[in-house]
Amino acid sequence: MTAIDLEKARKAAEAAAAKLAEAEAAEAVRQVEIAAQRAERTREYDADFHRRWREVSDAALHDADVAPVEYDPETMGFLENAIRLVTSRGKRRIVLDHAKRAETTIGIPSHQSTVPDDRYYSFDFAAMVTEIVQKEAGRRVAEFADALEAEREKFINGE
């Protein structure tokens, strides 16, 4: 490469650098304008939301028709399964009682018994239902929060 070619390349690079600097400056100005618009829309949205938050809260609180719950095996499969589980444990206890009585009747000493002692099976229905309710409620609350945040972002973005 000759000195003239080198000088031409240097001038072309300087011209390109100047164009790049000009484009970057214009982009920086544009980003500042966008940020200012977003900040203004954020203030506007948040001011409006603050004025109506009680309405939104009341709507969220009363968004479902909460009625007393009565047992219906057709619609409460989880409850029916819990009842069956506890029932089966109770039936097993009755069978063991009868087997022990049969051993006593036929003269099998207790140290030779083949019937196991009844065990207590813990079943914390309230904890089971509480876990189910908390998981589902948490999922629904997260959906609500996402929708509310999406509404806010959409407004802030000017959509």
N, C-alpha and C. Protein backbone atom coordinates (compact mmCIF):
# COMPACT_ATOMS: atom_id res chain seq x y z
N MET A 1 0.85 -1.17 0.00
CA MET A 1 0.00 0.00 0.00
C MET A 1 0.90 1.24 0.00
N THR A 2 0.51 2.21 -0.79
CA THR A 2 1.31 3.43 -0.91
C THR A 2 0.85 4.44 0.13
N ALA A 3 1.61 5.50 0.26
CA ALA A 3 1.29 6.56 1.22
C ALA A 3 -0.03 7.23 0.84
N ILE A 4 -0.28 7.36 -0.46
CA ILE A 4 -1.53 7.99 -0.91
C ILE A 4 -2.71 7.09 -0.54
N ASP A 5 -2.54 5.79 -0.78
CA ASP A 5 -3.61 4.84 -0.42
C ASP A 5 -3.86 4.87 1.09
N LEU A 6 -2.79 4.93 1.83
CA LEU A 6 -2.90 4.98 3.29
C LEU A 6 -3.63 6.25 3.73
N GLU A 7 -3.31 7.36 3.11
CA GLU A 7 -3.96 8.64 3.45
C GLU A 7 -5.45 8.58 3.08
N LYS A 8 -5.79 8.00 1.94
CA LYS A 8 -7.19 7.86 1.52
C LYS A 8 -7.96 6.98 2.52
N ALA A 9 -7.35 5.90 2.91
CA ALA A 9 -7.99 4.99 3.87
C ALA A 9 -8.20 5.70 5.21
N ARG A 10 -7.17 6.48 5.63
CA ARG A 10 -7.27 7.21 6.89
C ARG A 10 -8.44 8.22 6.83
N LYS A 11 -8.55 8.97 5.71
CA LYS A 11 -9.64 9.95 5.55
C LYS A 11 -11.00 9.25 5.51
N ALA A 12 -11.08 8.09 4.84
CA ALA A 12 -12.34 7.33 4.78
C ALA A 12 -12.72 6.86 6.19
N ALA A 13 -11.71 6.40 6.94
CA ALA A 13 -11.97 5.96 8.32
C ALA A 13 -12.44 7.13 9.18
N GLU A 14 -11.81 8.28 9.01
CA GLU A 14 -12.22 9.46 9.78
C GLU A 14 -13.65 9.87 9.42
N ALA A 15 -13.98 9.82 8.12
CA ALA A 15 -15.33 10.16 7.68
C ALA A 15 -16.34 9.16 8.26
N ALA A 16 -16.00 7.89 8.22
CA ALA A 16 -16.88 6.86 8.78
C ALA A 16 -17.02 7.05 10.29
N ALA A 17 -15.91 7.38 10.97
CA ALA A 17 -15.96 7.61 12.42
C ALA A 17 -16.84 8.81 12.73
N ALA A 18 -16.77 9.83 11.90
CA ALA A 18 -17.61 11.02 12.11
C ALA A 18 -19.09 10.67 11.92
N LYS A 19 -19.37 9.87 10.88
CA LYS A 19 -20.76 9.43 10.65
C LYS A 19 -21.24 8.58 11.82
N LEU A 20 -20.37 7.70 12.30
CA LEU A 20 -20.73 6.84 13.43
C LEU A 20 -20.99 7.69 14.68
N ALA A 21 -20.14 8.65 14.93
CA ALA A 21 -20.32 9.52 16.10
C ALA A 21 -21.62 10.31 15.98
N GLU A 22 -21.93 10.76 14.78
CA GLU A 22 -23.17 11.51 14.56
C GLU A 22 -24.38 10.59 14.78
N ALA A 23 -24.31 9.37 14.27
CA ALA A 23 -25.41 8.41 14.45
C ALA A 23 -25.56 8.03 15.93
N GLU A 24 -24.45 7.83 16.62
CA GLU A 24 -24.51 7.50 18.04
C GLU A 24 -25.10 8.65 18.85
N ALA A 25 -24.74 9.88 18.51
CA ALA A 25 -25.29 11.05 19.20
C ALA A 25 -26.79 11.15 18.96
N ALA A 26 -27.21 10.92 17.71
CA ALA A 26 -28.64 10.96 17.40
C ALA A 26 -29.38 9.87 18.16
N GLU A 27 -28.79 8.70 18.24
CA GLU A 27 -29.40 7.59 18.97
C GLU A 27 -29.48 7.90 20.46
N ALA A 28 -28.44 8.52 21.00
CA ALA A 28 -28.44 8.90 22.41
C ALA A 28 -29.56 9.90 22.70
N VAL A 29 -29.75 10.87 21.79
CA VAL A 29 -30.83 11.85 21.94
C VAL A 29 -32.18 11.13 21.88
N ARG A 30 -32.31 10.20 20.94
CA ARG A 30 -33.56 9.45 20.80
C ARG A 30 -33.84 8.64 22.06
N GLN A 31 -32.82 8.00 22.63
CA GLN A 31 -33.00 7.21 23.86
C GLN A 31 -33.39 8.10 25.03
N VAL A 32 -32.83 9.29 25.10
CA VAL A 32 -33.20 10.24 26.16
C VAL A 32 -34.66 10.63 26.00
N GLU A 33 -35.09 10.89 24.75
CA GLU A 33 -36.50 11.24 24.50
C GLU A 33 -37.42 10.09 24.88
N ILE A 34 -37.05 8.89 24.51
CA ILE A 34 -37.86 7.71 24.85
C ILE A 34 -37.94 7.55 26.37
N ALA A 35 -36.82 7.69 27.04
CA ALA A 35 -36.80 7.58 28.50
C ALA A 35 -37.68 8.64 29.14
N ALA A 36 -37.63 9.86 28.61
CA ALA A 36 -38.47 10.94 29.15
C ALA A 36 -39.95 10.64 28.92
N GLN A 37 -40.29 10.14 27.73
CA GLN A 37 -41.68 9.77 27.44
C GLN A 37 -42.14 8.64 28.36
N ARG A 38 -41.28 7.63 28.56
CA ARG A 38 -41.63 6.52 29.45
C ARG A 38 -41.81 7.01 30.89
N ALA A 39 -40.94 7.90 31.31
CA ALA A 39 -41.04 8.43 32.68
C ALA A 39 -42.35 9.20 32.84
N GLU A 40 -42.72 9.99 31.84
CA GLU A 40 -43.98 10.74 31.91
C GLU A 40 -45.17 9.79 31.93
N ARG A 41 -45.16 8.76 31.06
CA ARG A 41 -46.26 7.80 31.04
C ARG A 41 -46.30 6.99 32.33
N THR A 42 -45.13 6.71 32.90
CA THR A 42 -45.09 6.00 34.18
C THR A 42 -45.77 6.84 35.26
N ARG A 43 -45.43 8.12 35.33
CA ARG A 43 -46.07 9.01 36.31
C ARG A 43 -47.58 9.08 36.06
N GLU A 44 -47.97 9.20 34.79
CA GLU A 44 -49.38 9.28 34.44
C GLU A 44 -50.12 8.00 34.84
N TYR A 45 -49.56 6.85 34.50
CA TYR A 45 -50.19 5.57 34.83
C TYR A 45 -50.28 5.40 36.34
N ASP A 46 -49.17 5.64 37.03
CA ASP A 46 -49.15 5.43 38.47
C ASP A 46 -50.09 6.40 39.19
N ALA A 47 -50.20 7.64 38.70
CA ALA A 47 -51.13 8.60 39.30
C ALA A 47 -52.57 8.12 39.10
N ASP A 48 -52.89 7.64 37.90
CA ASP A 48 -54.22 7.12 37.63
C ASP A 48 -54.49 5.88 38.48
N PHE A 49 -53.51 4.99 38.56
CA PHE A 49 -53.69 3.78 39.35
C PHE A 49 -53.89 4.13 40.82
N HIS A 50 -53.14 5.10 41.30
CA HIS A 50 -53.28 5.51 42.70
C HIS A 50 -54.68 6.05 42.97
N ARG A 51 -55.26 6.74 41.99
CA ARG A 51 -56.63 7.26 42.16
C ARG A 51 -57.66 6.13 42.22
N ARG A 52 -57.41 5.03 41.52
CA ARG A 52 -58.42 3.97 41.42
C ARG A 52 -58.01 2.65 42.08
N TRP A 53 -56.96 2.65 42.89
CA TRP A 53 -56.49 1.39 43.45
C TRP A 53 -57.54 0.71 44.31
N ARG A 54 -58.38 1.47 45.01
CA ARG A 54 -59.41 0.85 45.85
C ARG A 54 -60.41 0.08 44.98
N GLU A 55 -60.76 0.65 43.84
CA GLU A 55 -61.68 -0.03 42.92
C GLU A 55 -61.05 -1.33 42.41
N VAL A 56 -59.78 -1.25 42.04
CA VAL A 56 -59.08 -2.44 41.54
C VAL A 56 -58.98 -3.48 42.65
N SER A 57 -58.68 -3.01 43.86
CA SER A 57 -58.58 -3.93 45.00
C SER A 57 -59.92 -4.58 45.29
N ASP A 58 -60.99 -3.79 45.30
CA ASP A 58 -62.32 -4.36 45.55
C ASP A 58 -62.70 -5.36 44.46
N ALA A 59 -62.40 -5.03 43.22
CA ALA A 59 -62.70 -5.95 42.12
C ALA A 59 -61.92 -7.25 42.28
N ALA A 60 -60.65 -7.13 42.67
CA ALA A 60 -59.83 -8.33 42.86
C ALA A 60 -60.35 -9.16 44.03
N LEU A 61 -60.78 -8.49 45.08
CA LEU A 61 -61.28 -9.18 46.26
C LEU A 61 -62.58 -9.91 45.99
N HIS A 62 -63.42 -9.30 45.14
CA HIS A 62 -64.75 -9.87 44.88
C HIS A 62 -64.87 -10.44 43.47
N ASP A 63 -63.76 -10.90 42.90
CA ASP A 63 -63.81 -11.38 41.53
C ASP A 63 -64.41 -12.76 41.40
N ALA A 64 -64.65 -13.43 42.52
CA ALA A 64 -65.24 -14.76 42.45
C ALA A 64 -66.47 -14.80 43.34
N ASP A 65 -67.41 -15.58 42.92
CA ASP A 65 -68.60 -15.77 43.73
C ASP A 65 -68.24 -16.81 44.80
N VAL A 66 -67.91 -16.34 45.97
CA VAL A 66 -67.48 -17.23 47.04
C VAL A 66 -68.72 -17.66 47.82
N ALA A 67 -69.07 -18.91 47.65
CA ALA A 67 -70.26 -19.44 48.31
C ALA A 67 -69.83 -20.54 49.29
N PRO A 68 -70.70 -20.86 50.22
CA PRO A 68 -70.37 -21.97 51.13
C PRO A 68 -70.13 -23.25 50.32
N VAL A 69 -69.17 -24.03 50.76
CA VAL A 69 -68.81 -25.25 50.04
C VAL A 69 -69.51 -26.43 50.69
N GLU A 70 -70.20 -27.18 49.87
CA GLU A 70 -70.83 -28.41 50.35
C GLU A 70 -70.22 -29.57 49.57
N TYR A 71 -70.12 -30.69 50.25
CA TYR A 71 -69.48 -31.85 49.65
C TYR A 71 -70.30 -32.39 48.48
N ASP A 72 -69.62 -32.58 47.37
CA ASP A 72 -70.21 -33.19 46.18
C ASP A 72 -69.16 -34.11 45.57
N PRO A 73 -69.36 -35.43 45.70
CA PRO A 73 -68.33 -36.36 45.21
C PRO A 73 -68.09 -36.27 43.71
N GLU A 74 -69.07 -35.74 42.97
CA GLU A 74 -68.90 -35.60 41.52
C GLU A 74 -67.90 -34.51 41.15
N THR A 75 -67.84 -33.46 41.95
CA THR A 75 -66.97 -32.34 41.62
C THR A 75 -65.77 -32.22 42.54
N MET A 76 -65.72 -33.02 43.57
CA MET A 76 -64.62 -32.93 44.55
C MET A 76 -63.86 -34.25 44.61
N GLY A 77 -63.28 -34.61 43.50
CA GLY A 77 -62.56 -35.88 43.42
C GLY A 77 -61.45 -36.00 44.45
N PHE A 78 -60.71 -34.92 44.70
CA PHE A 78 -59.63 -34.99 45.67
C PHE A 78 -60.18 -35.30 47.05
N LEU A 79 -61.35 -34.74 47.37
CA LEU A 79 -61.96 -34.97 48.68
C LEU A 79 -62.46 -36.41 48.76
N GLU A 80 -63.06 -36.88 47.71
CA GLU A 80 -63.52 -38.27 47.68
C GLU A 80 -62.34 -39.23 47.85
N ASN A 81 -61.22 -38.94 47.20
CA ASN A 81 -60.04 -39.80 47.37
C ASN A 81 -59.51 -39.75 48.79
N ALA A 82 -59.54 -38.60 49.43
CA ALA A 82 -59.11 -38.49 50.82
C ALA A 82 -60.03 -39.31 51.72
N ILE A 83 -61.32 -39.23 51.47
CA ILE A 83 -62.28 -40.01 52.26
C ILE A 83 -62.03 -41.50 52.06
N ARG A 84 -61.79 -41.91 50.83
CA ARG A 84 -61.52 -43.34 50.57
C ARG A 84 -60.25 -43.80 51.28
N LEU A 85 -59.22 -42.95 51.27
CA LEU A 85 -57.97 -43.31 51.95
C LEU A 85 -58.19 -43.52 53.44
N VAL A 86 -58.84 -42.58 54.07
CA VAL A 86 -59.09 -42.69 55.51
C VAL A 86 -60.02 -43.87 55.79
N THR A 87 -61.01 -44.10 54.93
CA THR A 87 -61.92 -45.23 55.09
C THR A 87 -61.16 -46.55 54.99
N SER A 88 -60.26 -46.66 54.02
CA SER A 88 -59.50 -47.91 53.86
C SER A 88 -58.64 -48.18 55.07
N ARG A 89 -58.07 -47.14 55.65
CA ARG A 89 -57.28 -47.33 56.87
C ARG A 89 -58.17 -47.79 58.03
N GLY A 90 -59.36 -47.21 58.13
CA GLY A 90 -60.30 -47.64 59.17
C GLY A 90 -60.74 -49.08 58.97
N LYS A 91 -61.01 -49.45 57.73
CA LYS A 91 -61.40 -50.84 57.43
C LYS A 91 -60.29 -51.81 57.79
N ARG A 92 -59.04 -51.43 57.50
CA ARG A 92 -57.91 -52.29 57.83
C ARG A 92 -57.84 -52.50 59.34
N ARG A 93 -58.07 -51.42 60.10
CA ARG A 93 -58.05 -51.54 61.56
C ARG A 93 -59.11 -52.52 62.03
N ILE A 94 -60.31 -52.47 61.43
CA ILE A 94 -61.39 -53.39 61.80
C ILE A 94 -60.99 -54.82 61.48
N VAL A 95 -60.38 -55.04 60.31
CA VAL A 95 -59.94 -56.39 59.92
C VAL A 95 -58.90 -56.90 60.91
N LEU A 96 -57.95 -56.06 61.30
CA LEU A 96 -56.93 -56.48 62.26
C LEU A 96 -57.56 -56.82 63.61
N ASP A 97 -58.55 -56.02 64.04
CA ASP A 97 -59.24 -56.32 65.30
C ASP A 97 -59.92 -57.69 65.23
N HIS A 98 -60.57 -57.96 64.12
CA HIS A 98 -61.24 -59.26 63.96
C HIS A 98 -60.24 -60.40 63.92
N ALA A 99 -59.12 -60.19 63.24
CA ALA A 99 -58.09 -61.24 63.16
C ALA A 99 -57.50 -61.51 64.54
N LYS A 100 -57.27 -60.47 65.32
CA LYS A 100 -56.74 -60.65 66.69
C LYS A 100 -57.76 -61.43 67.54
N ARG A 101 -59.03 -61.04 67.41
CA ARG A 101 -60.08 -61.74 68.16
C ARG A 101 -60.15 -63.21 67.74
N ALA A 102 -60.00 -63.47 66.43
CA ALA A 102 -60.03 -64.85 65.94
C ALA A 102 -58.87 -65.65 66.52
N GLU A 103 -57.67 -65.01 66.59
CA GLU A 103 -56.53 -65.72 67.18
C GLU A 103 -56.80 -66.05 68.65
N THR A 104 -57.40 -65.11 69.36
CA THR A 104 -57.72 -65.35 70.77
C THR A 104 -58.72 -66.48 70.89
N THR A 105 -59.74 -66.48 70.03
CA THR A 105 -60.78 -67.51 70.07
C THR A 105 -60.22 -68.89 69.79
N ILE A 106 -59.32 -68.99 68.84
CA ILE A 106 -58.79 -70.32 68.49
C ILE A 106 -57.56 -70.69 69.31
N GLY A 107 -57.18 -69.82 70.24
CA GLY A 107 -56.14 -70.17 71.20
C GLY A 107 -54.71 -69.91 70.76
N ILE A 108 -54.49 -69.00 69.85
CA ILE A 108 -53.12 -68.65 69.46
C ILE A 108 -52.59 -67.64 70.47
N PRO A 109 -51.48 -67.96 71.15
CA PRO A 109 -50.94 -67.03 72.13
C PRO A 109 -50.44 -65.75 71.45
N SER A 110 -50.47 -64.64 72.17
CA SER A 110 -50.11 -63.34 71.59
C SER A 110 -48.67 -63.32 71.07
N HIS A 111 -47.75 -64.10 71.73
CA HIS A 111 -46.37 -64.09 71.25
C HIS A 111 -46.21 -64.86 69.94
N GLN A 112 -47.22 -65.61 69.52
CA GLN A 112 -47.18 -66.34 68.24
C GLN A 112 -48.12 -65.70 67.20
N SER A 113 -48.65 -64.57 67.52
CA SER A 113 -49.61 -63.91 66.63
C SER A 113 -48.97 -63.58 65.28
N THR A 114 -49.76 -63.81 64.24
CA THR A 114 -49.31 -63.44 62.88
C THR A 114 -49.96 -62.12 62.43
N VAL A 115 -50.83 -61.58 63.29
CA VAL A 115 -51.52 -60.34 62.95
C VAL A 115 -50.71 -59.18 63.51
N PRO A 116 -50.33 -58.24 62.66
CA PRO A 116 -49.55 -57.11 63.16
C PRO A 116 -50.41 -56.20 64.04
N ASP A 117 -49.75 -55.47 64.90
CA ASP A 117 -50.47 -54.48 65.70
C ASP A 117 -50.94 -53.37 64.77
N ASP A 118 -52.07 -52.82 65.13
CA ASP A 118 -52.61 -51.70 64.35
C ASP A 118 -51.69 -50.51 64.51
N ARG A 119 -51.46 -49.83 63.42
CA ARG A 119 -50.63 -48.62 63.46
C ARG A 119 -51.52 -47.41 63.25
N TYR A 120 -51.09 -46.34 63.84
CA TYR A 120 -51.80 -45.08 63.64
C TYR A 120 -51.28 -44.46 62.35
N TYR A 121 -52.19 -44.16 61.46
CA TYR A 121 -51.84 -43.50 60.21
C TYR A 121 -52.28 -42.05 60.30
N SER A 122 -51.33 -41.19 60.30
CA SER A 122 -51.64 -39.76 60.37
C SER A 122 -52.23 -39.31 59.05
N PHE A 123 -53.24 -38.50 59.14
CA PHE A 123 -53.82 -37.91 57.94
C PHE A 123 -54.24 -36.50 58.29
N ASP A 124 -53.48 -35.54 57.82
CA ASP A 124 -53.75 -34.14 58.12
C ASP A 124 -54.46 -33.53 56.91
N PHE A 125 -55.77 -33.70 56.90
CA PHE A 125 -56.56 -33.22 55.78
C PHE A 125 -56.45 -31.71 55.63
N ALA A 126 -56.48 -31.02 56.76
CA ALA A 126 -56.40 -29.55 56.69
C ALA A 126 -55.10 -29.11 56.03
N ALA A 127 -54.00 -29.77 56.37
CA ALA A 127 -52.71 -29.42 55.75
C ALA A 127 -52.73 -29.73 54.25
N MET A 128 -53.35 -30.86 53.88
CA MET A 128 -53.43 -31.22 52.46
C MET A 128 -54.23 -30.17 51.69
N VAL A 129 -55.39 -29.82 52.21
CA VAL A 129 -56.24 -28.84 51.53
C VAL A 129 -55.57 -27.47 51.53
N THR A 130 -54.94 -27.11 52.64
CA THR A 130 -54.26 -25.82 52.72
C THR A 130 -53.16 -25.74 51.66
N GLU A 131 -52.40 -26.80 51.49
CA GLU A 131 -51.34 -26.81 50.48
C GLU A 131 -51.92 -26.65 49.08
N ILE A 132 -52.99 -27.38 48.79
CA ILE A 132 -53.62 -27.29 47.47
C ILE A 132 -54.12 -25.86 47.23
N VAL A 133 -54.80 -25.32 48.22
CA VAL A 133 -55.36 -23.97 48.09
C VAL A 133 -54.25 -22.94 47.92
N GLN A 134 -53.20 -23.04 48.73
CA GLN A 134 -52.11 -22.06 48.65
C GLN A 134 -51.39 -22.13 47.31
N LYS A 135 -51.15 -23.34 46.80
CA LYS A 135 -50.49 -23.47 45.49
C LYS A 135 -51.33 -22.85 44.39
N GLU A 136 -52.62 -23.20 44.36
CA GLU A 136 -53.48 -22.68 43.30
C GLU A 136 -53.69 -21.18 43.45
N ALA A 137 -53.89 -20.72 44.67
CA ALA A 137 -54.06 -19.28 44.89
C ALA A 137 -52.78 -18.54 44.49
N GLY A 138 -51.63 -19.09 44.81
CA GLY A 138 -50.36 -18.46 44.43
C GLY A 138 -50.23 -18.36 42.92
N ARG A 139 -50.65 -19.41 42.22
CA ARG A 139 -50.59 -19.41 40.76
C ARG A 139 -51.51 -18.32 40.20
N ARG A 140 -52.71 -18.21 40.76
CA ARG A 140 -53.67 -17.22 40.28
C ARG A 140 -53.23 -15.80 40.62
N VAL A 141 -52.66 -15.62 41.78
CA VAL A 141 -52.15 -14.29 42.17
C VAL A 141 -51.02 -13.88 41.22
N ALA A 142 -50.14 -14.82 40.90
CA ALA A 142 -49.04 -14.53 39.97
C ALA A 142 -49.58 -14.13 38.60
N GLU A 143 -50.62 -14.83 38.12
CA GLU A 143 -51.24 -14.47 36.85
C GLU A 143 -51.80 -13.05 36.90
N PHE A 144 -52.48 -12.72 38.01
CA PHE A 144 -53.05 -11.39 38.18
C PHE A 144 -51.94 -10.34 38.19
N ALA A 145 -50.87 -10.61 38.94
CA ALA A 145 -49.75 -9.66 39.02
C ALA A 145 -49.12 -9.47 37.65
N ASP A 146 -48.94 -10.56 36.90
CA ASP A 146 -48.36 -10.46 35.55
C ASP A 146 -49.26 -9.63 34.63
N ALA A 147 -50.57 -9.85 34.71
CA ALA A 147 -51.51 -9.11 33.86
C ALA A 147 -51.50 -7.63 34.22
N LEU A 148 -51.47 -7.32 35.51
CA LEU A 148 -51.45 -5.92 35.94
C LEU A 148 -50.14 -5.25 35.50
N GLU A 149 -49.03 -5.95 35.65
CA GLU A 149 -47.74 -5.40 35.23
C GLU A 149 -47.68 -5.23 33.70
N ALA A 150 -48.26 -6.19 32.97
CA ALA A 150 -48.30 -6.09 31.51
C ALA A 150 -49.12 -4.88 31.07
N GLU A 151 -50.24 -4.65 31.77
CA GLU A 151 -51.08 -3.47 31.47
C GLU A 151 -50.28 -2.19 31.70
N ARG A 152 -49.54 -2.14 32.78
CA ARG A 152 -48.73 -0.96 33.12
C ARG A 152 -47.65 -0.75 32.06
N GLU A 153 -46.92 -1.81 31.73
CA GLU A 153 -45.84 -1.71 30.74
C GLU A 153 -46.36 -1.30 29.37
N LYS A 154 -47.52 -1.85 29.00
CA LYS A 154 -48.13 -1.51 27.72
C LYS A 154 -48.43 -0.01 27.68
N PHE A 155 -48.98 0.53 28.77
CA PHE A 155 -49.28 1.96 28.83
C PHE A 155 -48.00 2.78 28.79
N ILE A 156 -47.01 2.38 29.57
CA ILE A 156 -45.74 3.11 29.63
C ILE A 156 -45.04 3.10 28.28
N ASN A 157 -45.16 2.00 27.56
CA ASN A 157 -44.52 1.90 26.25
C ASN A 157 -45.32 2.58 25.14
N GLY A 158 -46.47 3.14 25.51
CA GLY A 158 -47.26 3.88 24.54
C GLY A 158 -47.99 3.00 23.56
N GLU A 159 -48.27 1.80 23.95
CA GLU A 159 -48.95 0.87 23.03
C GLU A 159 -50.45 0.98 23.16
